[in-house]
Amino acid sequence: MATPIGNAEDIGLRALRVLRDADLIACEDTRTTGRLADRHGIETPRMPYHEHNADRMRPGLIKRLEDGARVALVSDAGMPLINDPGYKLVRACHGAGLPVTAVPGPSAPLTALVLSGLPGDRFLFAGYPPPRSAARRGWLGGLAAIPATLVVLESPKRLPASLADMAAELGPRPAAVARELTKLFEEVRRAPLDTLAAHYAEAGPPKGEVVVVIGPPEDPPAPAPEILDDLLRVALKRGSSVRDAVRTVVAATGQPRRVVYARALDLADGDGG
């Protein structure tokens, strides 16, 4: 059985048990995982498995799993397979009909979302933006209309320029910059994007791993009632059903469907206000 496990200082008892019971630990860096193993008296053999050797090592791991071995996949930091090519091993296991389970570890994107104070009922983890400004602004423009909180990774050295592009493309949305999460120097700075951009332009790049959390776009201002009615009348006169007329007007105005639908029913019933 393959088991992805987060490699963290505050590792849980279940993860320790899995590592001790495994026949092999596949890890990004055997030295990093070795320090964890030494600290907890884990003697399970280790082998490197990372982005640069994965294609070569994966067939051998699948063969060992097919022969009945238990393999634990460990990341250097955070939750494995989140922004990590280890998913290819899990996909190969599924393709071979091999069971896979997970022992969840700390996840910087989810931890940042929780600490940001921004809506977590709907969010998009977007990974790293492009490194160059022009491509980054186009990438951000593609995310601008998504009605969800955005969770973005960024390198410390690019953070000031990236925040400036975020403010330019997304406006002064509420946001948070979280760094060194679950570590000694954890910090979360909350402010509108333009304020954060100004702060880091002056302070310079921070130290440590960074996650940026950006609030969803605000609902567009409601059009005057008479304008909403006019749009619905035009749609209904074209022979559209109430449902189709509502869909058209919601797309045009960005207003909540329930509001537009209630008014469309009034107009369809002859109550023009």
Protein backbone atom coordinates (compact mmCIF):
# COMPACT_ATOMS: atom_id res chain seq x y z
CA MET A 1 0.00 0.00 0.00
CA ALA A 2 1.27 3.49 -0.82
CA THR A 3 0.76 6.15 1.84
CA PRO A 4 1.57 9.87 1.33
CA ILE A 5 2.65 11.46 4.63
CA GLY A 6 3.53 15.05 5.49
CA ASN A 7 7.04 15.46 6.92
CA ALA A 8 6.51 17.88 9.82
CA GLU A 9 8.04 18.46 13.23
CA ASP A 10 4.65 18.07 14.88
CA ILE A 11 4.03 14.75 13.14
CA GLY A 12 1.14 12.72 14.49
CA LEU A 13 1.11 9.28 16.10
CA ARG A 14 -0.62 7.66 13.13
CA ALA A 15 2.04 8.94 10.75
CA LEU A 16 4.81 7.64 13.01
CA ARG A 17 3.16 4.22 13.13
CA VAL A 18 2.83 4.11 9.34
CA LEU A 19 6.48 5.05 8.88
CA ARG A 20 7.64 2.37 11.30
CA ASP A 21 5.43 -0.30 9.71
CA ALA A 22 6.34 0.58 6.11
CA ASP A 23 8.82 -1.55 4.17
CA LEU A 24 10.20 1.51 2.37
CA ILE A 25 10.00 5.29 2.69
CA ALA A 26 10.19 7.23 -0.57
CA CYS A 27 11.17 10.84 0.15
CA GLU A 28 12.14 14.06 -1.58
CA ASP A 29 15.41 14.25 0.36
CA THR A 30 16.69 11.30 2.36
CA ARG A 31 18.67 13.63 4.64
CA THR A 32 15.62 15.69 5.58
CA THR A 33 13.51 12.61 6.25
CA GLY A 34 16.51 11.01 7.95
CA ARG A 35 16.51 13.72 10.61
CA LEU A 36 12.82 13.06 11.23
CA ALA A 37 13.42 9.32 11.39
CA ASP A 38 16.37 9.66 13.77
CA ARG A 39 14.36 11.90 16.08
CA HIS A 40 11.62 9.29 16.38
CA GLY A 41 13.69 6.09 16.22
CA ILE A 42 12.39 5.00 12.79
CA GLU A 43 14.70 2.52 11.04
CA THR A 44 12.66 1.92 7.87
CA PRO A 45 14.88 2.00 4.72
CA ARG A 46 14.64 5.19 2.68
CA MET A 47 15.07 5.99 -1.00
CA PRO A 48 14.96 9.31 -2.88
CA TYR A 49 11.85 9.99 -4.94
CA HIS A 50 11.54 13.52 -6.31
CA GLU A 51 10.73 15.52 -9.42
CA HIS A 52 14.05 14.75 -11.12
CA ASN A 53 14.12 10.96 -10.70
CA ALA A 54 10.41 10.11 -10.41
CA ASP A 55 9.97 8.78 -13.95
CA ARG A 56 12.91 6.43 -13.46
CA MET A 57 12.02 5.29 -9.93
CA ARG A 58 8.26 4.94 -10.30
CA PRO A 59 8.19 1.56 -12.13
CA GLY A 60 10.34 0.00 -9.40
CA LEU A 61 8.06 1.33 -6.68
CA ILE A 62 4.99 -0.02 -8.46
CA LYS A 63 6.69 -3.43 -8.77
CA ARG A 64 7.46 -3.50 -5.04
CA LEU A 65 3.87 -2.55 -4.24
CA GLU A 66 2.57 -5.28 -6.53
CA ASP A 67 4.81 -7.72 -4.64
CA GLY A 68 3.08 -6.73 -1.40
CA ALA A 69 5.43 -4.09 0.00
CA ARG A 70 4.12 -1.11 1.96
CA VAL A 71 5.57 2.19 0.72
CA ALA A 72 5.25 5.57 2.43
CA LEU A 73 5.74 8.69 0.28
CA VAL A 74 7.03 11.61 2.38
CA SER A 75 7.39 15.28 1.43
CA ASP A 76 10.09 17.60 2.78
CA ALA A 77 7.45 20.02 4.07
CA GLY A 78 3.71 20.35 4.05
CA MET A 79 1.09 18.01 2.65
CA PRO A 80 2.41 15.70 -0.12
CA LEU A 81 0.96 15.98 -3.62
CA ILE A 82 -0.31 19.55 -3.09
CA ASN A 83 1.59 21.50 -5.73
CA ASP A 84 3.81 18.44 -5.93
CA PRO A 85 4.46 15.90 -8.73
CA GLY A 86 3.94 12.98 -6.35
CA TYR A 87 0.40 12.70 -7.71
CA LYS A 88 1.86 10.72 -10.61
CA LEU A 89 2.77 7.90 -8.24
CA VAL A 90 -0.76 7.85 -6.85
CA ARG A 91 -2.14 7.84 -10.39
CA ALA A 92 0.14 4.92 -11.30
CA CYS A 93 -1.06 3.03 -8.21
CA HIS A 94 -4.67 3.54 -9.24
CA GLY A 95 -3.84 2.37 -12.74
CA ALA A 96 -2.29 -0.81 -11.34
CA GLY A 97 -5.24 -1.46 -9.02
CA LEU A 98 -3.13 -0.83 -5.89
CA PRO A 99 -4.65 0.63 -2.72
CA VAL A 100 -3.60 4.11 -1.59
CA THR A 101 -4.41 5.96 1.61
CA ALA A 102 -3.18 9.26 3.08
CA VAL A 103 -2.07 10.49 6.47
CA PRO A 104 -2.79 14.24 6.17
CA GLY A 105 -0.07 16.60 7.27
CA PRO A 106 0.14 20.40 7.55
CA SER A 107 -0.91 22.22 4.39
CA ALA A 108 0.31 25.79 3.92
CA PRO A 109 -2.53 26.78 1.51
CA LEU A 110 -5.26 25.55 3.87
CA THR A 111 -3.54 26.95 6.96
CA ALA A 112 -3.22 30.35 5.26
CA LEU A 113 -6.88 30.26 4.26
CA VAL A 114 -7.95 29.53 7.83
CA LEU A 115 -5.76 32.28 9.30
CA SER A 116 -6.68 34.90 6.68
CA GLY A 117 -10.20 35.47 7.98
CA LEU A 118 -11.45 35.44 4.38
CA PRO A 119 -14.38 33.30 3.16
CA GLY A 120 -13.47 29.61 3.08
CA ASP A 121 -16.77 28.18 1.84
CA ARG A 122 -15.57 28.48 -1.77
CA PHE A 123 -11.92 28.87 -2.70
CA LEU A 124 -9.53 28.19 -5.57
CA PHE A 125 -5.95 27.03 -5.00
CA ALA A 126 -4.13 28.46 -8.02
CA GLY A 127 -0.53 27.45 -7.28
CA TYR A 128 2.32 29.72 -8.43
CA PRO A 129 1.69 32.61 -10.85
CA PRO A 130 4.03 33.06 -13.83
CA PRO A 131 7.35 34.68 -12.88
CA ARG A 132 7.23 37.54 -15.42
CA SER A 133 4.91 40.49 -14.95
CA ALA A 134 3.14 40.48 -18.33
CA ALA A 135 2.31 36.78 -18.13
CA ARG A 136 1.42 37.11 -14.46
CA ARG A 137 -1.06 39.92 -15.11
CA GLY A 138 -2.72 37.90 -17.86
CA TRP A 139 -2.91 34.92 -15.50
CA LEU A 140 -4.44 37.07 -12.76
CA GLY A 141 -6.92 38.54 -15.24
CA GLY A 142 -8.16 35.03 -15.94
CA LEU A 143 -8.89 34.58 -12.23
CA ALA A 144 -10.47 37.99 -11.62
CA ALA A 145 -14.10 37.03 -12.17
CA ILE A 146 -14.02 33.74 -10.24
CA PRO A 147 -16.50 34.10 -7.33
CA ALA A 148 -14.20 32.50 -4.76
CA THR A 149 -11.33 33.26 -2.44
CA LEU A 150 -8.01 32.79 -4.25
CA VAL A 151 -5.06 31.01 -2.63
CA VAL A 152 -1.74 31.64 -4.38
CA LEU A 153 1.84 30.57 -3.67
CA GLU A 154 4.69 32.96 -4.37
CA SER A 155 8.44 33.07 -3.92
CA PRO A 156 9.61 35.69 -1.39
CA LYS A 157 11.85 37.48 -3.89
CA ARG A 158 8.94 37.96 -6.34
CA LEU A 159 6.34 38.89 -3.71
CA PRO A 160 6.59 42.72 -3.96
CA ALA A 161 6.23 42.73 -7.76
CA SER A 162 3.55 40.05 -7.66
CA LEU A 163 1.47 41.97 -5.11
CA ALA A 164 1.71 45.08 -7.28
CA ASP A 165 0.33 43.11 -10.24
CA MET A 166 -2.41 41.60 -8.05
CA ALA A 167 -3.50 45.05 -6.92
CA ALA A 168 -3.48 46.32 -10.50
CA GLU A 169 -5.52 43.40 -11.88
CA LEU A 170 -7.82 42.60 -8.94
CA GLY A 171 -8.21 45.97 -7.23
CA PRO A 172 -8.09 46.65 -3.49
CA ARG A 173 -9.57 43.33 -2.44
CA PRO A 174 -9.04 42.20 1.15
CA ALA A 175 -6.04 39.88 1.30
CA ALA A 176 -3.48 38.25 3.57
CA VAL A 177 0.18 37.41 3.16
CA ALA A 178 1.09 34.39 5.29
CA ARG A 179 4.65 33.17 5.68
CA GLU A 180 6.52 30.46 7.57
CA LEU A 181 3.24 28.80 8.53
CA THR A 182 3.34 26.36 11.47
CA LYS A 183 6.98 27.38 12.09
CA LEU A 184 8.75 29.51 14.68
CA PHE A 185 8.48 32.83 12.82
CA GLU A 186 4.92 32.42 11.50
CA GLU A 187 3.40 35.72 10.40
CA VAL A 188 0.11 36.71 8.77
CA ARG A 189 -0.30 40.28 7.50
CA ARG A 190 -3.87 41.28 6.55
CA ALA A 191 -4.76 44.35 4.47
CA PRO A 192 -6.18 45.33 1.07
CA LEU A 193 -4.00 44.24 -1.83
CA ASP A 194 -2.83 47.76 -2.63
CA THR A 195 -1.78 48.31 0.99
CA LEU A 196 0.11 45.02 1.07
CA ALA A 197 1.80 45.89 -2.22
CA ALA A 198 2.94 49.26 -0.81
CA HIS A 199 4.22 47.62 2.38
CA TYR A 200 6.37 45.02 0.64
CA ALA A 201 7.57 47.53 -1.97
CA GLU A 202 9.07 49.47 0.94
CA ALA A 203 10.05 46.58 3.22
CA GLY A 204 11.40 44.34 0.46
CA PRO A 205 11.04 40.57 0.07
CA PRO A 206 10.31 38.69 3.30
CA LYS A 207 12.02 35.50 4.40
CA GLY A 208 10.44 32.06 4.28
CA GLU A 209 7.71 30.35 2.30
CA VAL A 210 4.79 32.60 1.32
CA VAL A 211 1.08 32.08 0.64
CA VAL A 212 -1.17 34.92 -0.55
CA VAL A 213 -4.91 34.69 0.13
CA ILE A 214 -7.17 37.07 -1.80
CA GLY A 215 -10.85 37.72 -1.09
CA PRO A 216 -13.49 37.08 -3.76
CA PRO A 217 -14.74 39.89 -6.01
CA GLU A 218 -17.53 42.03 -4.64
CA ASP A 219 -21.00 41.66 -6.11
CA PRO A 220 -21.53 44.29 -8.81
CA PRO A 221 -23.80 47.19 -7.78
CA ALA A 222 -27.46 46.49 -8.40
CA PRO A 223 -28.93 48.29 -11.41
CA ALA A 224 -31.89 50.58 -10.82
CA PRO A 225 -35.15 48.58 -10.57
CA GLU A 226 -36.50 50.09 -13.77
CA ILE A 227 -33.38 49.02 -15.70
CA LEU A 228 -33.70 45.47 -14.39
CA ASP A 229 -37.36 45.45 -15.43
CA ASP A 230 -36.53 46.77 -18.89
CA LEU A 231 -33.92 44.05 -19.42
CA LEU A 232 -36.35 41.35 -18.33
CA ARG A 233 -39.16 42.73 -20.54
CA VAL A 234 -36.88 42.70 -23.57
CA ALA A 235 -35.83 39.10 -22.85
CA LEU A 236 -39.41 37.96 -22.27
CA LYS A 237 -40.71 39.70 -25.43
CA ARG A 238 -38.17 37.75 -27.48
CA GLY A 239 -40.14 34.65 -26.60
CA SER A 240 -37.75 33.45 -23.94
CA SER A 241 -39.09 31.40 -21.11
CA VAL A 242 -38.88 32.95 -17.66
CA ARG A 243 -35.92 30.67 -16.89
CA ASP A 244 -34.05 31.71 -20.04
CA ALA A 245 -34.85 35.40 -19.51
CA VAL A 246 -33.52 35.19 -15.96
CA ARG A 247 -30.36 33.45 -17.15
CA THR A 248 -29.77 36.19 -19.74
CA VAL A 249 -30.27 39.04 -17.27
CA VAL A 250 -28.19 37.43 -14.53
CA ALA A 251 -25.32 37.03 -17.01
CA ALA A 252 -25.67 40.65 -18.11
CA THR A 253 -25.93 42.22 -14.65
CA GLY A 254 -24.21 39.81 -12.27
CA GLN A 255 -27.15 40.07 -9.91
CA PRO A 256 -28.22 37.18 -7.67
CA ARG A 257 -30.47 34.77 -9.54
CA ARG A 258 -33.09 34.73 -6.78
CA VAL A 259 -33.57 38.51 -7.06
CA VAL A 260 -33.88 38.49 -10.85
CA TYR A 261 -36.12 35.42 -10.81
CA ALA A 262 -38.56 36.95 -8.31
CA ARG A 263 -38.89 40.09 -10.43
CA ALA A 264 -39.27 38.06 -13.64
CA LEU A 265 -42.18 36.15 -12.10
CA ASP A 266 -43.88 39.44 -11.20
CA LEU A 267 -43.48 40.74 -14.73
CA ALA A 268 -44.64 37.47 -16.30
CA ASP A 269 -47.77 37.61 -14.13
CA GLY A 270 -48.48 41.12 -15.35
CA ASP A 271 -47.31 42.98 -12.25
CA GLY A 272 -45.06 45.62 -13.73
CA GLY A 273 -44.80 47.54 -10.48
